[in-house]
Amino acid sequence: MEYLKNILKNKKNEIKNLDTKCNFKTKNFNSNNYKNADTSDRAIDKNINDNINYERIENNKHKQAVKNYNADNISLINNIKKNKVNIIAEIKKASPSKGILNAGLNVGKVASLYNRYKDFICGISVVTESIYFKGNPQFIKEVRRFSDLPILRKDFIFHESQIYESYELGANCILLISSILSLKKLKALYKKANEIGLDVLVEVHSKNEFDKAVDCGAKLIGINNRNLKNMQVNLNNTIEILKYAEKENIKDKIIVCESGISDIEFIKEMIREGVNVFLIGSYFMQSSNLDKTLEDFQTSLRKNNLII
């Protein structure tokens, strides 16, 4: 859990830089509060929401930048098709659990390859966190040069300025992680993203977090099989939460299965559970021949009648 505290500390400086660019004022953020912080979900919520009290200052130049940006109305949600497997293919150089995944990562080349497999790839996830994932927000611009697929920005977003930055970089969707946001903050950021035309993937790992996602009105809910506290993967997590969710009216929700996915048999099992959207990162990023891996993946999906 130490990695998460370090990431949140680093976000302080990133947000200050965004404040300078976008004219937001960040007040009373004290990173020292993380040194001996309880890392329970509740404590993380309290740290983030108590220590980041921001107020937006009107900025005509920034407003104009948002107004002039042309996203071509690309929507990840609209690009997810029923009755077939949809893969959100990820670009990331490293991860906290596995370290460096792809030392020679060529973002443009990977984006170009993903763009060739639209039969099953519905969007590209771009991890922009810099410390543990070795990402960069500019990766989003590079991906857009080589692909017209919807782009999901994956990062630790808890401030409004990060949403505007995502929009201006060219993202079509952002990730909001339920475990690091209070319900009030989650609703506010979700609403802001929708207001400026961004889709939102709300990520959950537990039943309580799933309830938060439903409560905030999320249409796209990602169930992470990886526990962010200990980084362990439990592929049954999606099934367990889906069984719990039967009490909810989630027919209008799109469920995304995340983490630990590399096996067609698991995908077939999830299809039987009603899930047809999967986010795959490490499996693709660790491939020594990504083109061949994607081609084989496509062939397996076709053989199992999971794509046309």
C-alpha atoms as a PDB file:
ATOM      1  CA  MET A   1       0.000   0.000   0.000  1.00  0.00           C
ATOM      2  CA  GLU A   2       3.055   2.236   0.296  1.00  0.00           C
ATOM      3  CA  TYR A   3       3.041   2.716  -3.479  1.00  0.00           C
ATOM      4  CA  LEU A   4      -0.415   4.290  -3.314  1.00  0.00           C
ATOM      5  CA  LYS A   5       0.677   6.813  -0.686  1.00  0.00           C
ATOM      6  CA  ASN A   6       3.683   7.727  -2.832  1.00  0.00           C
ATOM      7  CA  ILE A   7       1.499   8.167  -5.891  1.00  0.00           C
ATOM      8  CA  LEU A   8      -0.847  10.482  -4.014  1.00  0.00           C
ATOM      9  CA  LYS A   9       2.096  12.556  -2.800  1.00  0.00           C
ATOM     10  CA  ASN A  10       3.342  12.938  -6.348  1.00  0.00           C
ATOM     11  CA  LYS A  11      -0.104  13.997  -7.517  1.00  0.00           C
ATOM     12  CA  LYS A  12       0.183  17.038  -5.260  1.00  0.00           C
ATOM     13  CA  ASN A  13       2.995  18.403  -7.413  1.00  0.00           C
ATOM     14  CA  GLU A  14       1.272  17.451 -10.640  1.00  0.00           C
ATOM     15  CA  ILE A  15      -1.863  19.289  -9.589  1.00  0.00           C
ATOM     16  CA  LYS A  16       0.151  22.361  -8.626  1.00  0.00           C
ATOM     17  CA  ASN A  17       1.569  22.405 -12.151  1.00  0.00           C
ATOM     18  CA  LEU A  18      -1.914  22.031 -13.574  1.00  0.00           C
ATOM     19  CA  ASP A  19      -3.078  24.852 -11.325  1.00  0.00           C
ATOM     20  CA  THR A  20      -0.451  27.086 -12.932  1.00  0.00           C
ATOM     21  CA  LYS A  21      -1.557  26.124 -16.426  1.00  0.00           C
ATOM     22  CA  CYS A  22      -5.283  26.040 -15.809  1.00  0.00           C
ATOM     23  CA  ASN A  23      -5.565  28.640 -13.065  1.00  0.00           C
ATOM     24  CA  PHE A  24      -6.957  26.380 -10.358  1.00  0.00           C
ATOM     25  CA  LYS A  25      -6.142  27.042  -6.733  1.00  0.00           C
ATOM     26  CA  THR A  26      -5.200  24.093  -4.539  1.00  0.00           C
ATOM     27  CA  LYS A  27      -5.267  24.789  -0.820  1.00  0.00           C
ATOM     28  CA  ASN A  28      -4.337  23.023   2.390  1.00  0.00           C
ATOM     29  CA  PHE A  29      -2.823  19.917   0.811  1.00  0.00           C
ATOM     30  CA  ASN A  30      -0.336  18.559   3.340  1.00  0.00           C
ATOM     31  CA  SER A  31       1.588  15.528   2.074  1.00  0.00           C
ATOM     32  CA  ASN A  32       3.015  14.972   5.563  1.00  0.00           C
ATOM     33  CA  ASN A  33      -0.371  13.589   6.516  1.00  0.00           C
ATOM     34  CA  TYR A  34       0.428  10.513   4.414  1.00  0.00           C
ATOM     35  CA  LYS A  35       3.623   9.536   6.275  1.00  0.00           C
ATOM     36  CA  ASN A  36       1.906   7.563   9.009  1.00  0.00           C
ATOM     37  CA  ALA A  37      -1.496   7.347   7.435  1.00  0.00           C
ATOM     38  CA  ASP A  38      -3.896   4.476   7.897  1.00  0.00           C
ATOM     39  CA  THR A  39      -4.232   2.961   4.443  1.00  0.00           C
ATOM     40  CA  SER A  40      -7.741   1.584   4.847  1.00  0.00           C
ATOM     41  CA  ASP A  41     -10.279   2.654   2.233  1.00  0.00           C
ATOM     42  CA  ARG A  42     -11.940   4.979   4.728  1.00  0.00           C
ATOM     43  CA  ALA A  43      -8.636   6.566   5.706  1.00  0.00           C
ATOM     44  CA  ILE A  44      -7.641   7.093   2.087  1.00  0.00           C
ATOM     45  CA  ASP A  45     -10.982   8.763   1.426  1.00  0.00           C
ATOM     46  CA  LYS A  46     -10.486  11.034   4.430  1.00  0.00           C
ATOM     47  CA  ASN A  47      -6.924  11.987   3.524  1.00  0.00           C
ATOM     48  CA  ILE A  48      -7.770  12.884  -0.027  1.00  0.00           C
ATOM     49  CA  ASN A  49     -10.966  14.730   0.677  1.00  0.00           C
ATOM     50  CA  ASP A  50      -9.853  16.522   3.833  1.00  0.00           C
ATOM     51  CA  ASN A  51      -6.506  17.637   2.480  1.00  0.00           C
ATOM     52  CA  ILE A  52      -7.506  18.744  -1.001  1.00  0.00           C
ATOM     53  CA  ASN A  53      -9.930  21.604  -0.736  1.00  0.00           C
ATOM     54  CA  TYR A  54      -9.912  23.346  -4.063  1.00  0.00           C
ATOM     55  CA  GLU A  55     -11.845  26.177  -5.587  1.00  0.00           C
ATOM     56  CA  ARG A  56     -12.049  26.805  -9.262  1.00  0.00           C
ATOM     57  CA  ILE A  57     -11.134  30.253 -10.528  1.00  0.00           C
ATOM     58  CA  GLU A  58     -12.735  31.381 -13.774  1.00  0.00           C
ATOM     59  CA  ASN A  59     -10.269  31.222 -16.627  1.00  0.00           C
ATOM     60  CA  ASN A  60     -11.503  32.371 -20.015  1.00  0.00           C
ATOM     61  CA  LYS A  61      -8.397  31.067 -21.775  1.00  0.00           C
ATOM     62  CA  HIS A  62      -8.883  27.614 -20.284  1.00  0.00           C
ATOM     63  CA  LYS A  63     -12.581  27.619 -21.108  1.00  0.00           C
ATOM     64  CA  GLN A  64     -11.771  28.525 -24.691  1.00  0.00           C
ATOM     65  CA  ALA A  65      -9.266  25.663 -24.922  1.00  0.00           C
ATOM     66  CA  VAL A  66     -11.975  23.226 -23.870  1.00  0.00           C
ATOM     67  CA  LYS A  67     -14.489  24.821 -26.217  1.00  0.00           C
ATOM     68  CA  ASN A  68     -12.134  24.608 -29.203  1.00  0.00           C
ATOM     69  CA  TYR A  69     -11.082  21.009 -28.610  1.00  0.00           C
ATOM     70  CA  ASN A  70     -12.550  18.604 -31.156  1.00  0.00           C
ATOM     71  CA  ALA A  71     -12.914  15.073 -29.823  1.00  0.00           C
ATOM     72  CA  ASP A  72     -14.836  13.989 -32.926  1.00  0.00           C
ATOM     73  CA  ASN A  73     -17.512  12.705 -30.543  1.00  0.00           C
ATOM     74  CA  ILE A  74     -15.565   9.482 -30.000  1.00  0.00           C
ATOM     75  CA  SER A  75     -17.195   7.539 -27.190  1.00  0.00           C
ATOM     76  CA  LEU A  76     -15.844   4.398 -25.549  1.00  0.00           C
ATOM     77  CA  ILE A  77     -19.310   3.506 -24.308  1.00  0.00           C
ATOM     78  CA  ASN A  78     -20.807   3.812 -27.788  1.00  0.00           C
ATOM     79  CA  ASN A  79     -18.001   1.718 -29.276  1.00  0.00           C
ATOM     80  CA  ILE A  80     -18.777  -1.262 -27.019  1.00  0.00           C
ATOM     81  CA  LYS A  81     -20.940  -3.700 -28.953  1.00  0.00           C
ATOM     82  CA  LYS A  82     -23.416  -6.241 -27.649  1.00  0.00           C
ATOM     83  CA  ASN A  83     -23.232  -9.958 -28.463  1.00  0.00           C
ATOM     84  CA  LYS A  84     -19.448 -10.002 -28.941  1.00  0.00           C
ATOM     85  CA  VAL A  85     -16.260  -9.716 -26.918  1.00  0.00           C
ATOM     86  CA  ASN A  86     -14.919  -6.191 -26.505  1.00  0.00           C
ATOM     87  CA  ILE A  87     -11.337  -5.681 -25.350  1.00  0.00           C
ATOM     88  CA  ILE A  88      -9.954  -2.438 -23.963  1.00  0.00           C
ATOM     89  CA  ALA A  89      -6.280  -2.930 -24.781  1.00  0.00           C
ATOM     90  CA  GLU A  90      -3.848  -1.190 -22.469  1.00  0.00           C
ATOM     91  CA  ILE A  91      -0.558   0.603 -22.931  1.00  0.00           C
ATOM     92  CA  LYS A  92       1.665   0.673 -19.859  1.00  0.00           C
ATOM     93  CA  LYS A  93       5.386   0.339 -19.397  1.00  0.00           C
ATOM     94  CA  ALA A  94       5.369  -0.980 -15.838  1.00  0.00           C
ATOM     95  CA  SER A  95       3.182  -1.870 -12.872  1.00  0.00           C
ATOM     96  CA  PRO A  96       3.646  -1.867  -9.067  1.00  0.00           C
ATOM     97  CA  SER A  97       3.196  -5.639  -8.895  1.00  0.00           C
ATOM     98  CA  LYS A  98       5.414  -6.736 -11.815  1.00  0.00           C
ATOM     99  CA  GLY A  99       7.871  -3.881 -12.299  1.00  0.00           C
ATOM    100  CA  ILE A 100       8.965  -3.137 -15.874  1.00  0.00           C
ATOM    101  CA  LEU A 101       6.713  -4.895 -18.364  1.00  0.00           C
ATOM    102  CA  ASN A 102       8.032  -3.464 -21.605  1.00  0.00           C
ATOM    103  CA  ALA A 103      11.390  -1.705 -21.325  1.00  0.00           C
ATOM    104  CA  GLY A 104      11.455  -0.657 -24.971  1.00  0.00           C
ATOM    105  CA  LEU A 105       7.834   0.432 -25.160  1.00  0.00           C
ATOM    106  CA  ASN A 106       7.040   2.249 -28.400  1.00  0.00           C
ATOM    107  CA  VAL A 107       3.671   3.869 -27.706  1.00  0.00           C
ATOM    108  CA  GLY A 108       2.963   4.770 -31.325  1.00  0.00           C
ATOM    109  CA  LYS A 109       3.778   1.283 -32.599  1.00  0.00           C
ATOM    110  CA  VAL A 110       1.564  -0.381 -30.002  1.00  0.00           C
ATOM    111  CA  ALA A 111      -1.300   2.020 -30.746  1.00  0.00           C
ATOM    112  CA  SER A 112      -0.956   1.282 -34.453  1.00  0.00           C
ATOM    113  CA  LEU A 113      -1.105  -2.463 -33.799  1.00  0.00           C
ATOM    114  CA  TYR A 114      -4.155  -2.141 -31.571  1.00  0.00           C
ATOM    115  CA  ASN A 115      -5.806  -0.084 -34.293  1.00  0.00           C
ATOM    116  CA  ARG A 116      -5.447  -3.014 -36.712  1.00  0.00           C
ATOM    117  CA  TYR A 117      -7.472  -5.337 -34.507  1.00  0.00           C
ATOM    118  CA  LYS A 118     -10.749  -3.455 -34.229  1.00  0.00           C
ATOM    119  CA  ASP A 119     -12.646  -6.723 -34.611  1.00  0.00           C
ATOM    120  CA  PHE A 120     -12.230  -7.134 -30.866  1.00  0.00           C
ATOM    121  CA  ILE A 121     -10.450  -4.017 -29.557  1.00  0.00           C
ATOM    122  CA  CYS A 122     -13.005  -1.316 -28.728  1.00  0.00           C
ATOM    123  CA  GLY A 123     -10.670   1.168 -27.061  1.00  0.00           C
ATOM    124  CA  ILE A 124      -7.145   1.853 -25.861  1.00  0.00           C
ATOM    125  CA  SER A 125      -6.334   2.361 -22.191  1.00  0.00           C
ATOM    126  CA  VAL A 126      -3.339   4.619 -21.601  1.00  0.00           C
ATOM    127  CA  VAL A 127      -1.746   4.541 -18.144  1.00  0.00           C
ATOM    128  CA  THR A 128      -0.237   7.965 -17.450  1.00  0.00           C
ATOM    129  CA  GLU A 129       0.947   7.621 -13.826  1.00  0.00           C
ATOM    130  CA  SER A 130       4.693   8.291 -13.830  1.00  0.00           C
ATOM    131  CA  ILE A 131       6.252   6.711 -10.725  1.00  0.00           C
ATOM    132  CA  TYR A 132       5.164   3.086 -10.663  1.00  0.00           C
ATOM    133  CA  PHE A 133       3.650   2.715 -14.132  1.00  0.00           C
ATOM    134  CA  LYS A 134       6.309   4.842 -15.916  1.00  0.00           C
ATOM    135  CA  GLY A 135       3.572   6.594 -17.861  1.00  0.00           C
ATOM    136  CA  ASN A 136       3.242  10.103 -19.215  1.00  0.00           C
ATOM    137  CA  PRO A 137       0.152  12.172 -20.072  1.00  0.00           C
ATOM    138  CA  GLN A 138       1.732  12.884 -23.458  1.00  0.00           C
ATOM    139  CA  PHE A 139       1.270   9.192 -24.309  1.00  0.00           C
ATOM    140  CA  ILE A 140      -2.351  10.088 -25.012  1.00  0.00           C
ATOM    141  CA  LYS A 141      -1.366  12.458 -27.811  1.00  0.00           C
ATOM    142  CA  GLU A 142       0.983   9.849 -29.240  1.00  0.00           C
ATOM    143  CA  VAL A 143      -1.767   7.229 -29.265  1.00  0.00           C
ATOM    144  CA  ARG A 144      -4.114   9.603 -31.060  1.00  0.00           C
ATOM    145  CA  ARG A 145      -1.538  10.060 -33.839  1.00  0.00           C
ATOM    146  CA  PHE A 146      -1.716   6.359 -34.643  1.00  0.00           C
ATOM    147  CA  SER A 147      -5.263   5.323 -33.749  1.00  0.00           C
ATOM    148  CA  ASP A 148      -8.830   6.571 -34.013  1.00  0.00           C
ATOM    149  CA  LEU A 149     -10.046   4.226 -31.280  1.00  0.00           C
ATOM    150  CA  PRO A 150     -11.520   5.764 -28.098  1.00  0.00           C
ATOM    151  CA  ILE A 151      -8.841   6.513 -25.491  1.00  0.00           C
ATOM    152  CA  LEU A 152      -9.264   5.807 -21.790  1.00  0.00           C
ATOM    153  CA  ARG A 153      -6.913   7.717 -19.516  1.00  0.00           C
ATOM    154  CA  LYS A 154      -5.974   5.580 -16.527  1.00  0.00           C
ATOM    155  CA  ASP A 155      -4.495   7.489 -13.633  1.00  0.00           C
ATOM    156  CA  PHE A 156      -5.220   8.416 -10.035  1.00  0.00           C
ATOM    157  CA  ILE A 157      -7.677  11.238 -10.638  1.00  0.00           C
ATOM    158  CA  PHE A 158      -9.152  13.129  -7.704  1.00  0.00           C
ATOM    159  CA  HIS A 159      -9.029  16.753  -8.800  1.00  0.00           C
ATOM    160  CA  GLU A 160     -11.099  18.654 -11.337  1.00  0.00           C
ATOM    161  CA  SER A 161      -8.036  20.034 -13.106  1.00  0.00           C
ATOM    162  CA  GLN A 162      -6.959  16.484 -14.007  1.00  0.00           C
ATOM    163  CA  ILE A 163     -10.254  16.042 -15.838  1.00  0.00           C
ATOM    164  CA  TYR A 164      -9.702  19.168 -17.911  1.00  0.00           C
ATOM    165  CA  GLU A 165      -6.153  18.053 -18.635  1.00  0.00           C
ATOM    166  CA  SER A 166      -7.415  14.657 -19.819  1.00  0.00           C
ATOM    167  CA  TYR A 167      -9.892  16.331 -22.141  1.00  0.00           C
ATOM    168  CA  GLU A 168      -7.325  18.691 -23.622  1.00  0.00           C
ATOM    169  CA  LEU A 169      -4.828  15.864 -24.171  1.00  0.00           C
ATOM    170  CA  GLY A 170      -7.412  14.040 -26.270  1.00  0.00           C
ATOM    171  CA  ALA A 171      -8.787  11.373 -23.934  1.00  0.00           C
ATOM    172  CA  ASN A 172     -12.372  10.270 -24.510  1.00  0.00           C
ATOM    173  CA  CYS A 173     -12.838   8.559 -21.162  1.00  0.00           C
ATOM    174  CA  ILE A 174     -11.259   8.780 -17.700  1.00  0.00           C
ATOM    175  CA  LEU A 175     -10.854   6.339 -14.846  1.00  0.00           C
ATOM    176  CA  LEU A 176     -12.223   7.175 -11.400  1.00  0.00           C
ATOM    177  CA  ILE A 177     -11.157   4.763  -8.663  1.00  0.00           C
ATOM    178  CA  SER A 178     -13.909   4.290  -6.103  1.00  0.00           C
ATOM    179  CA  SER A 179     -11.580   3.253  -3.270  1.00  0.00           C
ATOM    180  CA  ILE A 180      -9.691   6.568  -3.205  1.00  0.00           C
ATOM    181  CA  LEU A 181     -12.753   8.820  -3.486  1.00  0.00           C
ATOM    182  CA  SER A 182     -15.614   9.549  -1.142  1.00  0.00           C
ATOM    183  CA  LEU A 183     -19.081   9.200  -2.658  1.00  0.00           C
ATOM    184  CA  LYS A 184     -19.450  12.983  -2.671  1.00  0.00           C
ATOM    185  CA  LYS A 185     -16.162  13.469  -4.530  1.00  0.00           C
ATOM    186  CA  LEU A 186     -16.908  10.607  -6.916  1.00  0.00           C
ATOM    187  CA  LYS A 187     -20.242  12.134  -7.855  1.00  0.00           C
ATOM    188  CA  ALA A 188     -18.717  15.595  -8.354  1.00  0.00           C
ATOM    189  CA  LEU A 189     -15.895  14.376 -10.597  1.00  0.00           C
ATOM    190  CA  TYR A 190     -18.207  12.064 -12.523  1.00  0.00           C
ATOM    191  CA  LYS A 191     -20.578  14.942 -13.189  1.00  0.00           C
ATOM    192  CA  LYS A 192     -17.761  17.272 -14.271  1.00  0.00           C
ATOM    193  CA  ALA A 193     -16.376  14.719 -16.726  1.00  0.00           C
ATOM    194  CA  ASN A 194     -19.801  14.170 -18.257  1.00  0.00           C
ATOM    195  CA  GLU A 195     -20.372  17.919 -18.531  1.00  0.00           C
ATOM    196  CA  ILE A 196     -17.353  18.330 -20.803  1.00  0.00           C
ATOM    197  CA  GLY A 197     -18.093  15.256 -22.882  1.00  0.00           C
ATOM    198  CA  LEU A 198     -15.959  12.533 -21.312  1.00  0.00           C
ATOM    199  CA  ASP A 199     -17.106   9.002 -20.584  1.00  0.00           C
ATOM    200  CA  VAL A 200     -16.151   7.654 -17.159  1.00  0.00           C
ATOM    201  CA  LEU A 201     -15.058   4.184 -16.114  1.00  0.00           C
ATOM    202  CA  VAL A 202     -15.658   3.835 -12.379  1.00  0.00           C
ATOM    203  CA  GLU A 203     -13.397   1.135 -10.957  1.00  0.00           C
ATOM    204  CA  VAL A 204     -14.425  -0.994  -7.981  1.00  0.00           C
ATOM    205  CA  HIS A 205     -12.945  -3.924  -6.109  1.00  0.00           C
ATOM    206  CA  SER A 206     -15.510  -4.608  -3.393  1.00  0.00           C
ATOM    207  CA  LYS A 207     -19.264  -4.781  -2.936  1.00  0.00           C
ATOM    208  CA  ASN A 208     -19.339  -1.470  -1.080  1.00  0.00           C
ATOM    209  CA  GLU A 209     -17.414   0.203  -3.870  1.00  0.00           C
ATOM    210  CA  PHE A 210     -19.812  -1.284  -6.408  1.00  0.00           C
ATOM    211  CA  ASP A 211     -22.694   0.318  -4.500  1.00  0.00           C
ATOM    212  CA  LYS A 212     -20.865   3.663  -4.688  1.00  0.00           C
ATOM    213  CA  ALA A 213     -20.470   3.319  -8.443  1.00  0.00           C
ATOM    214  CA  VAL A 214     -24.162   2.581  -8.898  1.00  0.00           C
ATOM    215  CA  ASP A 215     -25.081   5.432  -6.547  1.00  0.00           C
ATOM    216  CA  CYS A 216     -23.051   7.956  -8.554  1.00  0.00           C
ATOM    217  CA  GLY A 217     -24.898   6.948 -11.715  1.00  0.00           C
ATOM    218  CA  ALA A 218     -22.001   5.186 -13.453  1.00  0.00           C
ATOM    219  CA  LYS A 219     -22.865   3.578 -16.778  1.00  0.00           C
ATOM    220  CA  LEU A 220     -19.453   1.936 -17.171  1.00  0.00           C
ATOM    221  CA  ILE A 221     -18.248  -0.011 -14.114  1.00  0.00           C
ATOM    222  CA  GLY A 222     -14.909  -1.799 -14.016  1.00  0.00           C
ATOM    223  CA  ILE A 223     -14.524  -4.637 -11.537  1.00  0.00           C
ATOM    224  CA  ASN A 224     -10.834  -4.963 -10.713  1.00  0.00           C
ATOM    225  CA  ASN A 225      -9.724  -8.480  -9.840  1.00  0.00           C
ATOM    226  CA  ARG A 226      -6.567  -7.000  -8.320  1.00  0.00           C
ATOM    227  CA  ASN A 227      -6.645  -5.876  -4.712  1.00  0.00           C
ATOM    228  CA  LEU A 228      -4.931  -2.467  -4.596  1.00  0.00           C
ATOM    229  CA  LYS A 229      -3.894  -3.052  -0.979  1.00  0.00           C
ATOM    230  CA  ASN A 230      -1.812  -6.197  -1.561  1.00  0.00           C
ATOM    231  CA  MET A 231      -1.734  -6.346  -5.399  1.00  0.00           C
ATOM    232  CA  GLN A 232      -3.009  -9.947  -5.392  1.00  0.00           C
ATOM    233  CA  VAL A 233      -5.326 -11.088  -8.185  1.00  0.00           C
ATOM    234  CA  ASN A 234      -8.523 -13.037  -7.532  1.00  0.00           C
ATOM    235  CA  LEU A 235     -10.291 -13.863 -10.800  1.00  0.00           C
ATOM    236  CA  ASN A 236     -13.419 -14.833  -8.853  1.00  0.00           C
ATOM    237  CA  ASN A 237     -13.820 -11.262  -7.650  1.00  0.00           C
ATOM    238  CA  THR A 238     -15.841 -10.242 -10.715  1.00  0.00           C
ATOM    239  CA  ILE A 239     -18.183 -13.219 -10.304  1.00  0.00           C
ATOM    240  CA  GLU A 240     -18.646 -12.595  -6.577  1.00  0.00           C
ATOM    241  CA  ILE A 241     -19.519  -8.931  -7.092  1.00  0.00           C
ATOM    242  CA  LEU A 242     -21.860  -9.756  -9.979  1.00  0.00           C
ATOM    243  CA  LYS A 243     -23.740 -12.221  -7.769  1.00  0.00           C
ATOM    244  CA  TYR A 244     -24.041  -9.519  -5.140  1.00  0.00           C
ATOM    245  CA  ALA A 245     -25.192  -7.047  -7.799  1.00  0.00           C
ATOM    246  CA  GLU A 246     -28.177  -9.194  -8.716  1.00  0.00           C
ATOM    247  CA  LYS A 247     -30.116  -7.244  -6.118  1.00  0.00           C
ATOM    248  CA  GLU A 248     -29.398  -4.047  -8.038  1.00  0.00           C
ATOM    249  CA  ASN A 249     -30.991  -2.953 -11.275  1.00  0.00           C
ATOM    250  CA  ILE A 250     -27.872  -2.967 -13.430  1.00  0.00           C
ATOM    251  CA  LYS A 251     -29.353  -3.861 -16.807  1.00  0.00           C
ATOM    252  CA  ASP A 252     -28.325  -0.439 -18.089  1.00  0.00           C
ATOM    253  CA  LYS A 253     -24.739  -0.833 -16.823  1.00  0.00           C
ATOM    254  CA  ILE A 254     -21.740  -2.017 -18.804  1.00  0.00           C
ATOM    255  CA  ILE A 255     -19.475  -4.180 -16.667  1.00  0.00           C
ATOM    256  CA  VAL A 256     -15.756  -4.326 -17.472  1.00  0.00           C
ATOM    257  CA  CYS A 257     -13.659  -7.185 -16.095  1.00  0.00           C
ATOM    258  CA  GLU A 258     -10.155  -5.957 -15.233  1.00  0.00           C
ATOM    259  CA  SER A 259      -6.785  -7.514 -14.294  1.00  0.00           C
ATOM    260  CA  GLY A 260      -5.287 -10.966 -14.652  1.00  0.00           C
ATOM    261  CA  ILE A 261      -6.959 -11.771 -17.962  1.00  0.00           C
ATOM    262  CA  SER A 262      -5.005 -13.836 -20.476  1.00  0.00           C
ATOM    263  CA  ASP A 263      -7.087 -16.940 -21.020  1.00  0.00           C
ATOM    264  CA  ILE A 264      -9.912 -17.439 -23.532  1.00  0.00           C
ATOM    265  CA  GLU A 265     -11.547 -19.992 -21.234  1.00  0.00           C
ATOM    266  CA  PHE A 266     -11.858 -17.346 -18.512  1.00  0.00           C
ATOM    267  CA  ILE A 267     -13.388 -14.948 -21.034  1.00  0.00           C
ATOM    268  CA  LYS A 268     -15.902 -17.638 -22.026  1.00  0.00           C
ATOM    269  CA  GLU A 269     -16.789 -18.103 -18.355  1.00  0.00           C
ATOM    270  CA  MET A 270     -17.355 -14.370 -17.955  1.00  0.00           C
ATOM    271  CA  ILE A 271     -19.529 -14.316 -21.086  1.00  0.00           C
ATOM    272  CA  ARG A 272     -21.766 -16.887 -19.400  1.00  0.00           C
ATOM    273  CA  GLU A 273     -21.975 -14.504 -16.436  1.00  0.00           C
ATOM    274  CA  GLY A 274     -23.104 -11.692 -18.733  1.00  0.00           C
ATOM    275  CA  VAL A 275     -19.788  -9.814 -19.044  1.00  0.00           C
ATOM    276  CA  ASN A 276     -18.455  -9.116 -22.548  1.00  0.00           C
ATOM    277  CA  VAL A 277     -15.976  -6.265 -21.926  1.00  0.00           C
ATOM    278  CA  PHE A 278     -12.439  -6.901 -20.682  1.00  0.00           C
ATOM    279  CA  LEU A 279      -9.464  -4.660 -19.967  1.00  0.00           C
ATOM    280  CA  ILE A 280      -6.187  -6.395 -20.782  1.00  0.00           C
ATOM    281  CA  GLY A 281      -2.803  -4.821 -20.105  1.00  0.00           C
ATOM    282  CA  SER A 282       0.078  -6.916 -18.782  1.00  0.00           C
ATOM    283  CA  TYR A 283      -0.629  -9.891 -21.042  1.00  0.00           C
ATOM    284  CA  PHE A 284      -0.240  -7.747 -24.148  1.00  0.00           C
ATOM    285  CA  MET A 285       2.571  -5.567 -22.790  1.00  0.00           C
ATOM    286  CA  GLN A 286       4.749  -8.550 -21.873  1.00  0.00           C
ATOM    287  CA  SER A 287       4.499 -10.094 -25.331  1.00  0.00           C
ATOM    288  CA  SER A 288       7.756 -10.339 -27.263  1.00  0.00           C
ATOM    289  CA  ASN A 289       5.745 -10.291 -30.500  1.00  0.00           C
ATOM    290  CA  LEU A 290       2.614  -8.237 -29.925  1.00  0.00           C
ATOM    291  CA  ASP A 291       1.356  -8.532 -33.498  1.00  0.00           C
ATOM    292  CA  LYS A 292       1.474 -12.335 -33.278  1.00  0.00           C
ATOM    293  CA  THR A 293      -0.131 -12.306 -29.824  1.00  0.00           C
ATOM    294  CA  LEU A 294      -3.005 -10.142 -31.072  1.00  0.00           C
ATOM    295  CA  GLU A 295      -3.430 -12.281 -34.191  1.00  0.00           C
ATOM    296  CA  ASP A 296      -3.569 -15.473 -32.105  1.00  0.00           C
ATOM    297  CA  PHE A 297      -5.985 -13.839 -29.680  1.00  0.00           C
ATOM    298  CA  GLN A 298      -8.238 -12.836 -32.563  1.00  0.00           C
ATOM    299  CA  THR A 299      -8.114 -16.352 -34.014  1.00  0.00           C
ATOM    300  CA  SER A 300      -9.083 -17.889 -30.654  1.00  0.00           C
ATOM    301  CA  LEU A 301     -12.000 -15.497 -30.272  1.00  0.00           C
ATOM    302  CA  ARG A 302     -13.258 -16.361 -33.753  1.00  0.00           C
ATOM    303  CA  LYS A 303     -12.918 -20.101 -33.197  1.00  0.00           C
ATOM    304  CA  ASN A 304     -15.094 -19.743 -30.114  1.00  0.00           C
ATOM    305  CA  ASN A 305     -17.621 -17.535 -31.929  1.00  0.00           C
ATOM    306  CA  LEU A 306     -16.882 -14.657 -29.582  1.00  0.00           C
ATOM    307  CA  ILE A 307     -16.393 -12.207 -32.440  1.00  0.00           C
ATOM    308  CA  ILE A 308     -17.661 -12.159 -35.998  1.00  0.00           C
END
